[in-house]
Amino acid sequence: MLFPVAGSRFFIADQPASSPSGPVSVPAGAWVEIGETEAFGTLGGRYELHEANHIDPLGDGYTAMKGVHSPDTMQIVMGLDPTDPGQLLLFNAYRSRDAFPFRLLFPDGVTDRQWFALVMSFGEVFDAANNVMRMQADLHPVTNITR
């Protein structure tokens, strides 16, 4: 089954958690939509690679194993709207040391992804001179992504 992304909605909740654990638990009315979202980046992670070389008369003497898992930082881009409540909350999350809950809701209105993340960067993107000003934020997940 394919999941279209066009028409997806992106949310943040004003419920910071200094040390979140487990799945995201946010009341339905607490989500605030972040307006003018244009790009969502990626959600996922990667493992460190642990390599070892040793003397092995019967093989090539090389082994590899997975090490520590680290989440990828998700970069979101949105059209700048200084009056948008979601963008204002995202800016406040950037100024905070706490992780905030995020939700990406797909166009079917049911399928979503939820997680807690630290907002690690927040900045203006000027891009081309014939374009509108944008905002860009980097979200670093600190919990597993609930599917």
Protein backbone atom coordinates (compact mmCIF):
# COMPACT_ATOMS: atom_id res chain seq x y z
CA MET A 1 0.00 0.00 0.00
CA LEU A 2 1.32 3.42 -0.95
CA PHE A 3 0.93 6.43 1.35
CA PRO A 4 0.51 9.78 -0.44
CA VAL A 5 2.17 12.67 1.34
CA ALA A 6 0.51 15.58 -0.51
CA GLY A 7 -2.16 16.94 1.81
CA SER A 8 -0.51 15.66 5.00
CA ARG A 9 -0.83 17.80 8.12
CA PHE A 10 1.86 18.40 10.73
CA PHE A 11 1.18 19.02 14.43
CA ILE A 12 2.95 19.90 17.67
CA ALA A 13 1.51 19.80 21.19
CA ASP A 14 2.28 22.24 23.99
CA GLN A 15 3.21 19.46 26.39
CA PRO A 16 6.98 19.41 26.78
CA ALA A 17 8.64 16.46 28.45
CA SER A 18 12.13 16.78 29.89
CA SER A 19 12.67 13.00 29.69
CA PRO A 20 9.98 11.37 27.56
CA SER A 21 9.67 7.63 27.53
CA GLY A 22 7.32 5.26 25.80
CA PRO A 23 4.73 6.15 23.16
CA VAL A 24 3.33 9.64 22.73
CA SER A 25 0.17 10.18 24.78
CA VAL A 26 -1.47 13.49 23.91
CA PRO A 27 -5.19 14.30 24.16
CA ALA A 28 -6.74 14.89 20.72
CA GLY A 29 -7.55 18.55 21.48
CA ALA A 30 -3.96 19.37 22.49
CA TRP A 31 -2.50 19.12 18.97
CA VAL A 32 -1.79 22.45 17.24
CA GLU A 33 -1.32 22.34 13.47
CA ILE A 34 1.86 23.87 12.07
CA GLY A 35 0.68 25.82 9.04
CA GLU A 36 2.25 26.31 5.62
CA THR A 37 4.33 23.09 5.75
CA GLU A 38 6.01 22.35 2.43
CA ALA A 39 8.56 19.59 3.10
CA PHE A 40 8.84 17.01 5.87
CA GLY A 41 12.25 15.44 5.37
CA THR A 42 12.82 11.90 6.63
CA LEU A 43 12.05 9.87 9.74
CA GLY A 44 14.28 6.95 10.52
CA GLY A 45 17.67 6.14 11.89
CA ARG A 46 20.95 4.40 11.39
CA TYR A 47 23.32 2.12 13.24
CA GLU A 48 27.01 2.61 13.83
CA LEU A 49 29.09 0.04 12.02
CA HIS A 50 31.54 -1.97 14.14
CA GLU A 51 34.20 -3.59 12.03
CA ALA A 52 36.86 -6.07 13.08
CA ASN A 53 39.79 -7.55 11.22
CA HIS A 54 41.44 -10.66 12.57
CA ILE A 55 43.63 -13.52 11.51
CA ASP A 56 41.43 -16.18 9.93
CA PRO A 57 43.21 -18.82 7.86
CA LEU A 58 39.89 -20.11 6.45
CA GLY A 59 38.23 -16.80 5.58
CA ASP A 60 38.99 -13.18 4.85
CA GLY A 61 39.37 -12.14 8.50
CA TYR A 62 36.69 -9.46 8.36
CA THR A 63 33.55 -9.16 10.49
CA ALA A 64 30.97 -6.40 10.80
CA MET A 65 28.22 -5.87 13.37
CA LYS A 66 25.61 -3.26 14.14
CA GLY A 67 26.46 -0.91 16.97
CA VAL A 68 24.48 1.87 18.63
CA HIS A 69 21.30 3.10 16.91
CA SER A 70 20.84 6.85 16.35
CA PRO A 71 17.75 8.58 14.92
CA ASP A 72 18.06 10.78 11.85
CA THR A 73 17.23 14.46 12.25
CA MET A 74 14.02 15.40 10.42
CA GLN A 75 14.15 18.71 8.55
CA ILE A 76 10.85 20.48 7.94
CA VAL A 77 10.32 23.51 5.72
CA MET A 78 7.31 25.81 5.88
CA GLY A 79 6.22 29.13 4.44
CA LEU A 80 6.88 31.86 7.03
CA ASP A 81 3.68 32.94 8.79
CA PRO A 82 4.49 34.86 12.00
CA THR A 83 0.82 34.68 13.09
CA ASP A 84 0.50 30.88 12.77
CA PRO A 85 -0.03 29.33 16.25
CA GLY A 86 1.80 26.13 15.26
CA GLN A 87 4.84 28.00 14.00
CA LEU A 88 4.89 30.10 17.19
CA LEU A 89 4.75 26.95 19.30
CA LEU A 90 7.52 25.40 17.20
CA PHE A 91 9.66 28.48 17.87
CA ASN A 92 8.95 28.18 21.62
CA ALA A 93 9.96 24.51 21.45
CA TYR A 94 13.21 25.61 19.81
CA ARG A 95 13.87 27.98 22.71
CA SER A 96 13.14 25.20 25.25
CA ARG A 97 15.50 22.46 26.40
CA ASP A 98 12.61 19.96 26.51
CA ALA A 99 11.36 17.54 23.87
CA PHE A 100 7.89 18.16 22.42
CA PRO A 101 5.38 15.74 20.88
CA PHE A 102 4.97 15.83 17.10
CA ARG A 103 2.43 14.19 14.80
CA LEU A 104 2.43 13.76 11.03
CA LEU A 105 -1.10 12.93 9.84
CA PHE A 106 -1.41 11.51 6.32
CA PRO A 107 -4.20 12.62 3.95
CA ASP A 108 -6.43 9.62 4.81
CA GLY A 109 -6.97 11.27 8.22
CA VAL A 110 -6.15 8.02 10.07
CA THR A 111 -2.57 6.98 9.31
CA ASP A 112 -0.01 8.93 11.29
CA ARG A 113 3.42 9.01 12.87
CA GLN A 114 3.96 10.33 16.42
CA TRP A 115 7.13 10.96 18.40
CA PHE A 116 8.85 13.30 20.86
CA ALA A 117 11.65 15.45 19.44
CA LEU A 118 14.03 18.22 20.37
CA VAL A 119 13.87 21.23 18.05
CA MET A 120 17.58 21.63 17.31
CA SER A 121 17.50 24.48 14.80
CA PHE A 122 15.05 27.09 13.61
CA GLY A 123 15.87 29.60 10.90
CA GLU A 124 14.71 31.71 7.99
CA VAL A 125 15.31 30.47 4.45
CA PHE A 126 15.54 33.22 1.83
CA ASP A 127 15.97 30.95 -1.21
CA ALA A 128 15.46 32.62 -4.61
CA ALA A 129 14.67 36.32 -4.92
CA ASN A 130 11.37 35.56 -6.66
CA ASN A 131 10.15 33.28 -3.90
CA VAL A 132 8.57 33.72 -0.45
CA MET A 133 10.51 33.59 2.80
CA ARG A 134 10.42 30.20 4.50
CA MET A 135 11.18 28.77 7.91
CA GLN A 136 13.22 25.63 8.42
CA ALA A 137 13.43 23.55 11.59
CA ASP A 138 15.42 20.43 12.47
CA LEU A 139 13.71 17.93 14.76
CA HIS A 140 15.79 15.28 16.53
CA PRO A 141 13.59 12.38 17.73
CA VAL A 142 14.22 11.24 21.31
CA THR A 143 11.65 8.40 21.37
CA ASN A 144 10.65 5.64 19.00
CA ILE A 145 8.32 6.70 16.21
CA THR A 146 4.82 5.33 16.78
CA ARG A 147 3.25 3.97 13.61
